[in-house]
Amino acid sequence: MYKIVLSIFFSLSFYVVFAQEDSLNHKNEIQQSDSMNHKIGFRQEDISDWLLQKRITKKKKAPKQSYLLIIPFIASNPAAGVIFGGGLNYAFKANKQDTRVSAISSNASYSTKGLLNLNVKSNLFIDHERLFLNGDWRYMINNETTYGLGSAKTSSEMTGIGGIPTSTDSLGQQLKYNQVRFHETVSREVFKNFYAGIGFHYDYFYSIKDGSLDAGDTVNSHHYQYSIEHGFNYQKYTVSGLSLNLLYDSRDNQVNAYKGYFANVNFRVNSTGLGSSENSTILLTEFRAFYSLGKSLNKQVLAFWLYGNFVTSGNMPYLLLPAVGYDQRQRTGRGYTFGRFRGENMIYGETEYRFPISRHTGILGGVLFLNATTTSDKETSLGLFEYIRPAGGVGLRIMMDKVTRTRLEVDGARANKTTSFYLGAQETY
């Protein structure tokens, strides 16, 4: 029986705040927002304000423009054993004069059956916001359940925290592997809100162990059959390449946007000359939009997210094909396990309604969300949109720091008899 023990509210005692003085521009922005909200009886507060009001703390903290939140967790499942770990989220401004917030997130976990997850994801504005750095670094010893290509197949698998499978069904096949990833993109501001740049992307999968092969079933193994058909070594492979990156970002805050737009186009060329097992190209497209509802910027937000990932030429190895949960922050597909749907092409869409529960302070908030995924499979001539897999759920938000807008998030999602729970900081997108 799958068991999970999670210290959600205990994590509040682990947060650490690094304070610096606010820039004049940011102070003016807050004062204007406070003035507007005061007229309708709303004033944004955070957990520090609440602790002060309850006299749990006695000293008002100085204005700050950086914030660090640490979230510990404990979980277990039959494949991994007991999992110990924690997540770190750091939001900050690189310079006092900056208006954009940078963010770094990191997770570390280890299980009693030898699984390891170390990762750092970064979205940084530096050099007085003229440069934008996007990074995804990982080292993993992972165990993943895979279901083949396309979004036609369904299952009744139950999942736990962060989409970790809690039980398996007849459709799922176990893959255990080691992964090294280094993705880094550097873009320079060309004109207001628009950036262009290049990136380097490296992934190495090795020590791949296929549960179906271990059982002697080569015919039905999704990973083995795909690898043999497309010329990959089924025990290890590498993808290495350069990319061209175009980015537009007019969000008022990347950690928790109340308004603005985000668009990104990344075209990657993977080459055997750079170490790839095969030549290929892949196109990633992403669009997000945020709309404030009502008179207060801090009260209600309607958010949209459209994400597409397409293999445009050549072949990608099985574990690097587009799949849910494979985006940089591993947030696509709430409601399903990581990699539940994969294919040569993938389109994902999500909408989220964010609203206050604490109507006058905004400390507690909630979200309602719906998403849908579709993936393709060339082998069976299955195209995009032939099968669309929806999911939806609700979430609780706790405002940990009102300046950077860092919120603790706790989400529950439901999809085709699948239940998932998610814990983190910042918003899903």
Protein backbone atom coordinates (compact mmCIF):
# COMPACT_ATOMS: atom_id res chain seq x y z
CA MET A 1 0.00 0.00 0.00
CA TYR A 2 1.35 3.38 -0.98
CA LYS A 3 1.97 5.80 1.87
CA ILE A 4 2.98 9.46 1.80
CA VAL A 5 3.85 11.67 4.71
CA LEU A 6 4.26 15.32 3.82
CA SER A 7 5.06 18.21 6.19
CA ILE A 8 3.31 21.02 4.39
CA PHE A 9 2.75 23.62 7.03
CA PHE A 10 5.86 22.64 8.99
CA SER A 11 7.80 24.00 6.03
CA LEU A 12 6.75 27.51 7.04
CA SER A 13 9.28 27.35 9.85
CA PHE A 14 12.10 26.61 7.39
CA TYR A 15 11.82 29.70 5.22
CA VAL A 16 14.79 32.05 5.21
CA VAL A 17 14.65 35.69 4.17
CA PHE A 18 17.56 37.63 2.69
CA ALA A 19 16.82 41.35 2.84
CA GLN A 20 18.13 44.23 0.79
CA GLU A 21 16.82 47.73 0.25
CA ASP A 22 14.12 48.20 -2.38
CA SER A 23 14.76 50.34 -5.42
CA LEU A 24 12.92 53.66 -5.72
CA ASN A 25 11.01 52.42 -8.77
CA HIS A 26 9.77 49.35 -6.94
CA LYS A 27 8.68 51.43 -3.94
CA ASN A 28 6.67 53.72 -6.22
CA GLU A 29 5.04 50.66 -7.82
CA ILE A 30 4.02 49.27 -4.42
CA GLN A 31 2.75 52.67 -3.23
CA GLN A 32 0.57 53.07 -6.33
CA SER A 33 -0.82 49.56 -5.92
CA ASP A 34 -1.48 50.10 -2.19
CA SER A 35 -3.26 53.37 -2.92
CA MET A 36 -5.60 51.71 -5.41
CA ASN A 37 -6.24 48.71 -3.17
CA HIS A 38 -6.90 50.90 -0.13
CA LYS A 39 -9.93 52.38 -1.88
CA ILE A 40 -11.57 48.95 -2.08
CA GLY A 41 -10.47 47.72 1.36
CA PHE A 42 -7.64 45.43 0.20
CA ARG A 43 -4.03 45.47 1.36
CA GLN A 44 -1.61 42.73 0.29
CA GLU A 45 0.04 41.00 3.26
CA ASP A 46 2.24 37.95 3.68
CA ILE A 47 3.06 35.37 6.32
CA SER A 48 5.46 37.76 8.09
CA ASP A 49 2.67 40.31 8.51
CA TRP A 50 0.40 37.61 9.91
CA LEU A 51 3.04 36.46 12.41
CA LEU A 52 3.48 40.09 13.52
CA GLN A 53 -0.26 40.62 13.94
CA LYS A 54 -0.56 37.44 16.01
CA ARG A 55 2.41 38.64 18.08
CA ILE A 56 4.34 35.49 17.25
CA THR A 57 7.09 37.82 16.11
CA LYS A 58 7.61 41.30 17.55
CA LYS A 59 9.80 43.03 15.00
CA LYS A 60 8.80 44.27 11.56
CA LYS A 61 11.26 43.09 8.93
CA ALA A 62 13.00 45.66 6.75
CA PRO A 63 11.87 45.98 3.11
CA LYS A 64 13.51 43.31 1.00
CA GLN A 65 13.92 42.33 -2.61
CA SER A 66 15.00 38.72 -2.24
CA TYR A 67 13.44 35.67 -0.63
CA LEU A 68 14.45 32.06 -0.03
CA LEU A 69 11.95 29.30 0.74
CA ILE A 70 12.99 25.75 1.72
CA ILE A 71 10.40 22.95 1.66
CA PRO A 72 11.29 19.52 3.10
CA PHE A 73 9.33 16.39 2.21
CA ILE A 74 9.13 12.66 2.91
CA ALA A 75 7.37 10.16 0.63
CA SER A 76 7.41 6.48 -0.27
CA ASN A 77 6.44 4.13 -3.05
CA PRO A 78 7.10 0.46 -3.86
CA ALA A 79 9.59 1.17 -6.68
CA ALA A 80 11.66 3.79 -4.84
CA GLY A 81 11.22 2.92 -1.18
CA VAL A 82 11.22 5.82 1.26
CA ILE A 83 12.14 9.14 -0.37
CA PHE A 84 13.79 11.95 1.62
CA GLY A 85 14.27 15.35 0.06
CA GLY A 86 13.64 19.05 -0.11
CA GLY A 87 13.04 21.89 -2.50
CA LEU A 88 14.60 25.34 -2.56
CA ASN A 89 13.17 28.41 -4.28
CA TYR A 90 15.00 31.74 -4.38
CA ALA A 91 13.51 34.90 -5.90
CA PHE A 92 15.60 38.07 -6.10
CA LYS A 93 16.63 41.18 -8.01
CA ALA A 94 20.22 41.19 -9.23
CA ASN A 95 20.56 44.97 -8.79
CA LYS A 96 18.76 47.60 -6.74
CA GLN A 97 17.65 49.42 -9.87
CA ASP A 98 16.15 46.31 -11.50
CA THR A 99 12.40 45.90 -11.87
CA ARG A 100 12.44 42.25 -13.00
CA VAL A 101 12.58 39.39 -10.50
CA SER A 102 14.96 36.48 -11.16
CA ALA A 103 14.30 32.98 -9.84
CA ILE A 104 16.27 29.84 -9.02
CA SER A 105 14.69 26.57 -7.94
CA SER A 106 16.42 23.40 -6.86
CA ASN A 107 15.42 19.96 -5.61
CA ALA A 108 17.38 17.17 -3.99
CA SER A 109 16.04 13.76 -2.99
CA TYR A 110 17.32 10.28 -2.25
CA SER A 111 15.45 7.03 -1.77
CA THR A 112 16.24 3.90 0.21
CA LYS A 113 16.34 1.95 -3.10
CA GLY A 114 19.10 4.12 -4.53
CA LEU A 115 17.18 6.67 -6.60
CA LEU A 116 18.70 10.15 -6.67
CA ASN A 117 17.41 13.48 -8.00
CA LEU A 118 19.60 16.59 -8.04
CA ASN A 119 18.49 19.54 -10.18
CA VAL A 120 18.81 23.30 -10.52
CA LYS A 121 16.52 25.40 -12.74
CA SER A 122 17.24 29.09 -13.25
CA ASN A 123 15.61 32.07 -14.97
CA LEU A 124 17.91 35.03 -14.39
CA PHE A 125 17.97 38.67 -15.49
CA ILE A 126 21.50 40.06 -15.16
CA ASP A 127 23.63 42.95 -16.44
CA HIS A 128 20.89 45.46 -15.53
CA GLU A 129 18.29 43.21 -17.20
CA ARG A 130 20.06 43.27 -20.57
CA LEU A 131 20.82 39.54 -20.41
CA PHE A 132 18.46 36.65 -19.68
CA LEU A 133 19.88 33.26 -18.63
CA ASN A 134 17.75 30.12 -18.69
CA GLY A 135 19.26 26.98 -17.18
CA ASP A 136 18.25 23.38 -16.50
CA TRP A 137 20.91 21.19 -14.85
CA ARG A 138 20.18 17.68 -13.60
CA TYR A 139 21.74 14.49 -12.35
CA MET A 140 19.25 11.70 -11.81
CA ILE A 141 19.08 8.02 -11.03
CA ASN A 142 15.43 7.61 -11.85
CA ASN A 143 12.68 5.04 -12.19
CA GLU A 144 9.91 5.94 -14.64
CA THR A 145 6.74 4.24 -15.83
CA THR A 146 6.29 4.50 -19.61
CA TYR A 147 3.29 3.77 -21.84
CA GLY A 148 4.51 4.05 -25.42
CA LEU A 149 3.78 6.87 -27.87
CA GLY A 150 0.62 8.83 -28.52
CA SER A 151 -2.24 9.90 -26.27
CA ALA A 152 -4.61 7.05 -27.20
CA LYS A 153 -3.82 4.76 -24.27
CA THR A 154 -5.34 5.41 -20.85
CA SER A 155 -4.92 3.84 -17.44
CA SER A 156 -6.22 3.99 -13.90
CA GLU A 157 -2.83 4.56 -12.29
CA MET A 158 -2.82 6.41 -8.96
CA THR A 159 -0.14 9.01 -8.31
CA GLY A 160 1.19 10.80 -5.27
CA ILE A 161 3.21 13.95 -4.61
CA GLY A 162 4.45 15.59 -7.81
CA GLY A 163 3.04 12.92 -10.09
CA ILE A 164 5.12 10.08 -8.61
CA PRO A 165 3.29 6.80 -9.38
CA THR A 166 1.81 5.03 -6.37
CA SER A 167 0.67 1.91 -8.23
CA THR A 168 1.03 0.44 -11.69
CA ASP A 169 -1.30 -1.19 -14.19
CA SER A 170 -0.95 -3.57 -17.12
CA LEU A 171 -0.17 -0.76 -19.57
CA GLY A 172 2.82 0.64 -17.70
CA GLN A 173 6.42 -0.50 -18.22
CA GLN A 174 9.26 0.30 -15.82
CA LEU A 175 12.44 2.04 -16.98
CA LYS A 176 15.34 2.79 -14.65
CA TYR A 177 18.12 5.05 -15.92
CA ASN A 178 20.85 7.55 -15.09
CA GLN A 179 20.64 11.02 -16.65
CA VAL A 180 23.06 13.93 -16.90
CA ARG A 181 21.62 17.18 -18.26
CA PHE A 182 23.14 20.59 -18.95
CA HIS A 183 20.92 23.08 -20.74
CA GLU A 184 21.83 26.77 -20.77
CA THR A 185 20.48 29.55 -22.98
CA VAL A 186 21.79 33.14 -23.00
CA SER A 187 19.65 35.84 -24.61
CA ARG A 188 20.31 39.56 -24.95
CA GLU A 189 17.69 42.30 -25.02
CA VAL A 190 17.28 43.59 -28.58
CA PHE A 191 14.54 46.06 -27.76
CA LYS A 192 12.08 46.53 -24.90
CA ASN A 193 10.87 43.14 -23.58
CA PHE A 194 12.33 41.24 -26.56
CA TYR A 195 15.42 39.00 -26.25
CA ALA A 196 17.39 36.91 -28.74
CA GLY A 197 20.23 34.49 -28.10
CA ILE A 198 21.77 31.04 -28.38
CA GLY A 199 21.96 27.97 -26.17
CA PHE A 200 23.77 24.71 -25.58
CA HIS A 201 21.83 21.55 -24.70
CA TYR A 202 23.33 18.26 -23.55
CA ASP A 203 21.59 15.09 -22.32
CA TYR A 204 23.22 11.75 -21.62
CA PHE A 205 21.17 8.69 -20.62
CA TYR A 206 23.04 5.58 -19.54
CA SER A 207 22.61 2.38 -17.51
CA ILE A 208 19.08 2.12 -18.92
CA LYS A 209 17.33 -0.93 -17.48
CA ASP A 210 14.03 -2.01 -19.05
CA GLY A 211 11.69 -4.03 -16.84
CA SER A 212 10.10 -5.68 -19.87
CA LEU A 213 13.48 -6.79 -21.22
CA ASP A 214 14.48 -8.15 -17.84
CA ALA A 215 11.32 -10.28 -18.01
CA GLY A 216 12.37 -11.51 -21.45
CA ASP A 217 9.70 -9.60 -23.39
CA THR A 218 11.44 -7.83 -26.28
CA VAL A 219 8.38 -7.74 -28.53
CA ASN A 220 6.21 -5.58 -26.29
CA SER A 221 8.86 -3.29 -24.80
CA HIS A 222 8.06 0.26 -25.94
CA HIS A 223 11.57 1.56 -25.26
CA TYR A 224 13.43 -1.38 -26.82
CA GLN A 225 11.32 -1.55 -29.98
CA TYR A 226 11.53 2.22 -30.56
CA SER A 227 15.31 2.25 -29.98
CA ILE A 228 16.01 -0.64 -32.36
CA GLU A 229 13.73 0.76 -35.06
CA HIS A 230 15.37 4.20 -34.98
CA GLY A 231 18.97 3.10 -34.60
CA PHE A 232 19.61 3.92 -30.94
CA ASN A 233 21.51 1.85 -28.41
CA TYR A 234 18.77 0.76 -25.98
CA GLN A 235 21.18 0.95 -23.01
CA LYS A 236 22.57 4.47 -23.53
CA TYR A 237 22.34 7.49 -25.85
CA THR A 238 23.30 11.16 -26.07
CA VAL A 239 21.65 14.27 -27.48
CA SER A 240 23.84 17.36 -27.80
CA GLY A 241 23.17 20.52 -29.77
CA LEU A 242 22.97 24.28 -30.17
CA SER A 243 19.83 26.40 -30.27
CA LEU A 244 18.51 29.75 -31.43
CA ASN A 245 16.26 31.39 -28.85
CA LEU A 246 13.69 34.21 -29.22
CA LEU A 247 11.94 35.50 -26.11
CA TYR A 248 9.30 38.15 -25.35
CA ASP A 249 8.46 38.92 -21.72
CA SER A 250 6.20 41.77 -20.58
CA ARG A 251 5.08 40.13 -17.31
CA ASP A 252 5.13 42.38 -14.26
CA ASN A 253 6.69 39.51 -12.25
CA GLN A 254 7.89 36.10 -13.50
CA VAL A 255 7.38 34.45 -10.10
CA ASN A 256 3.68 35.38 -9.90
CA ALA A 257 2.38 37.51 -12.75
CA TYR A 258 -0.71 39.67 -12.39
CA LYS A 259 -0.56 40.90 -15.98
CA GLY A 260 1.53 40.67 -19.15
CA TYR A 261 2.64 38.16 -21.76
CA PHE A 262 5.44 35.64 -22.19
CA ALA A 263 6.41 33.99 -25.49
CA ASN A 264 9.39 31.79 -26.28
CA VAL A 265 10.58 30.05 -29.44
CA ASN A 266 13.60 27.74 -29.22
CA PHE A 267 14.92 25.86 -32.28
CA ARG A 268 17.54 23.25 -31.46
CA VAL A 269 19.94 21.51 -33.85
CA ASN A 270 21.39 18.29 -32.45
CA SER A 271 24.50 17.05 -34.25
CA THR A 272 26.66 13.95 -34.18
CA GLY A 273 29.56 16.39 -34.51
CA LEU A 274 28.70 17.63 -31.01
CA GLY A 275 28.31 14.13 -29.61
CA SER A 276 24.69 13.27 -30.42
CA SER A 277 23.85 9.67 -31.15
CA GLU A 278 21.91 10.90 -34.22
CA ASN A 279 21.26 14.19 -36.02
CA SER A 280 17.91 15.83 -35.32
CA THR A 281 16.13 19.15 -34.89
CA ILE A 282 13.46 20.05 -32.36
CA LEU A 283 11.23 23.10 -32.01
CA LEU A 284 9.87 24.32 -28.68
CA THR A 285 7.17 27.01 -28.56
CA GLU A 286 5.54 28.52 -25.51
CA PHE A 287 3.01 31.28 -24.84
CA ARG A 288 1.58 32.53 -21.55
CA ALA A 289 -0.93 35.34 -20.91
CA PHE A 290 -2.11 36.90 -17.65
CA TYR A 291 -5.15 39.13 -17.15
CA SER A 292 -6.11 40.93 -13.93
CA LEU A 293 -9.83 40.86 -13.17
CA GLY A 294 -11.56 43.63 -11.25
CA LYS A 295 -10.07 46.84 -9.92
CA SER A 296 -7.29 45.34 -7.81
CA LEU A 297 -4.13 43.92 -9.37
CA ASN A 298 -3.72 41.61 -6.36
CA LYS A 299 -7.13 39.98 -6.29
CA GLN A 300 -8.08 37.83 -9.28
CA VAL A 301 -6.04 36.67 -12.25
CA LEU A 302 -6.96 34.61 -15.30
CA ALA A 303 -3.90 32.84 -16.76
CA PHE A 304 -3.37 30.87 -19.97
CA TRP A 305 -0.50 28.58 -21.00
CA LEU A 306 0.09 27.01 -24.41
CA TYR A 307 3.13 24.74 -24.84
CA GLY A 308 4.28 22.88 -27.96
CA ASN A 309 7.26 20.59 -28.56
CA PHE A 310 7.92 19.12 -32.01
CA VAL A 311 10.59 16.86 -33.54
CA THR A 312 11.01 18.60 -36.91
CA SER A 313 13.65 16.32 -38.48
CA GLY A 314 15.64 13.21 -37.69
CA ASN A 315 14.93 11.05 -34.66
CA MET A 316 15.09 11.72 -30.93
CA PRO A 317 15.76 8.86 -28.45
CA TYR A 318 12.77 7.53 -26.55
CA LEU A 319 13.45 9.25 -23.22
CA LEU A 320 13.93 12.63 -24.89
CA LEU A 321 10.78 12.63 -27.00
CA PRO A 322 8.28 15.38 -26.04
CA ALA A 323 6.27 14.25 -23.01
CA VAL A 324 4.21 15.65 -20.14
CA GLY A 325 6.37 16.79 -17.24
CA TYR A 326 9.41 17.18 -19.50
CA ASP A 327 9.36 20.99 -19.63
CA GLN A 328 12.08 22.92 -17.80
CA ARG A 329 10.20 23.21 -14.49
CA GLN A 330 8.41 19.86 -14.94
CA ARG A 331 4.98 21.45 -14.58
CA THR A 332 3.05 20.28 -17.65
CA GLY A 333 0.40 17.61 -17.20
CA ARG A 334 -0.81 18.17 -13.64
CA GLY A 335 -2.99 15.14 -12.99
CA TYR A 336 -0.77 12.62 -14.80
CA THR A 337 2.55 10.95 -14.04
CA PHE A 338 5.75 12.25 -15.66
CA GLY A 339 6.04 10.89 -19.17
CA ARG A 340 2.47 9.52 -19.13
CA PHE A 341 1.90 10.79 -22.69
CA ARG A 342 4.76 11.17 -25.16
CA GLY A 343 5.27 11.29 -28.90
CA GLU A 344 7.20 12.86 -31.76
CA ASN A 345 4.98 15.94 -31.30
CA MET A 346 3.12 17.31 -28.29
CA ILE A 347 0.74 20.19 -27.63
CA TYR A 348 -0.35 21.15 -24.13
CA GLY A 349 -2.75 23.84 -22.96
CA GLU A 350 -3.81 25.03 -19.52
CA THR A 351 -5.95 27.75 -18.02
CA GLU A 352 -5.98 28.78 -14.38
CA TYR A 353 -8.20 31.06 -12.33
CA ARG A 354 -6.40 32.56 -9.32
CA PHE A 355 -8.48 34.18 -6.59
CA PRO A 356 -8.15 35.39 -2.99
CA ILE A 357 -9.48 33.45 -0.03
CA SER A 358 -8.33 36.11 2.43
CA ARG A 359 -10.25 38.84 0.64
CA HIS A 360 -8.70 41.78 2.50
CA THR A 361 -5.11 40.59 2.93
CA GLY A 362 -4.45 38.10 0.13
CA ILE A 363 -2.39 35.84 2.43
CA LEU A 364 -4.49 32.83 1.49
CA GLY A 365 -5.47 32.28 -2.12
CA GLY A 366 -6.88 29.55 -4.27
CA VAL A 367 -6.70 28.33 -7.87
CA LEU A 368 -8.92 26.34 -10.21
CA PHE A 369 -7.27 24.85 -13.29
CA LEU A 370 -8.01 22.79 -16.39
CA ASN A 371 -5.48 21.35 -18.83
CA ALA A 372 -5.34 19.12 -21.89
CA THR A 373 -2.59 17.12 -23.62
CA THR A 374 -2.28 15.57 -27.06
CA THR A 375 0.70 13.65 -28.49
CA SER A 376 1.37 11.87 -31.79
CA ASP A 377 2.76 8.52 -32.92
CA LYS A 378 4.08 8.21 -36.48
CA GLU A 379 4.33 4.42 -36.31
CA THR A 380 0.55 4.05 -35.92
CA SER A 381 -0.26 7.20 -37.96
CA LEU A 382 -1.75 8.79 -34.85
CA GLY A 383 -1.84 12.56 -35.26
CA LEU A 384 -2.20 15.42 -32.84
CA PHE A 385 -5.74 16.13 -31.56
CA GLU A 386 -7.03 12.65 -32.42
CA TYR A 387 -6.98 11.95 -28.68
CA ILE A 388 -7.03 14.79 -26.17
CA ARG A 389 -6.44 13.95 -22.51
CA PRO A 390 -7.91 16.48 -20.05
CA ALA A 391 -7.24 17.02 -16.35
CA GLY A 392 -8.26 19.54 -13.73
CA GLY A 393 -7.94 20.43 -10.11
CA VAL A 394 -7.83 22.92 -7.28
CA GLY A 395 -5.06 24.45 -5.23
CA LEU A 396 -4.25 26.46 -2.12
CA ARG A 397 -1.77 29.35 -2.10
CA ILE A 398 -0.02 30.97 0.90
CA MET A 399 1.70 34.32 0.34
CA MET A 400 5.16 33.86 1.86
CA ASP A 401 6.67 37.13 0.60
CA LYS A 402 4.62 39.97 -0.89
CA VAL A 403 7.56 41.84 -2.49
CA THR A 404 8.75 38.97 -4.70
CA ARG A 405 5.21 37.48 -4.66
CA THR A 406 6.53 34.06 -3.64
CA ARG A 407 3.66 31.76 -2.67
CA LEU A 408 3.65 28.24 -1.26
CA GLU A 409 1.47 26.07 -3.52
CA VAL A 410 -0.44 22.91 -2.69
CA ASP A 411 -2.42 21.41 -5.59
CA GLY A 412 -4.65 18.41 -6.10
CA ALA A 413 -5.44 17.18 -9.61
CA ARG A 414 -7.73 14.55 -11.07
CA ALA A 415 -7.46 12.88 -14.48
CA ASN A 416 -9.09 9.65 -15.71
CA LYS A 417 -9.26 8.03 -12.25
CA THR A 418 -5.76 9.34 -11.52
CA THR A 419 -5.15 11.45 -8.42
CA SER A 420 -2.05 13.59 -7.97
CA PHE A 421 -0.78 16.08 -5.39
CA TYR A 422 1.81 18.80 -5.94
CA LEU A 423 3.79 20.94 -3.51
CA GLY A 424 6.07 23.79 -4.47
CA ALA A 425 6.75 27.52 -4.53
CA GLN A 426 6.14 30.15 -7.19
CA GLU A 427 3.24 29.55 -9.54
CA THR A 428 2.90 26.61 -11.92
CA TYR A 429 3.51 29.07 -14.79
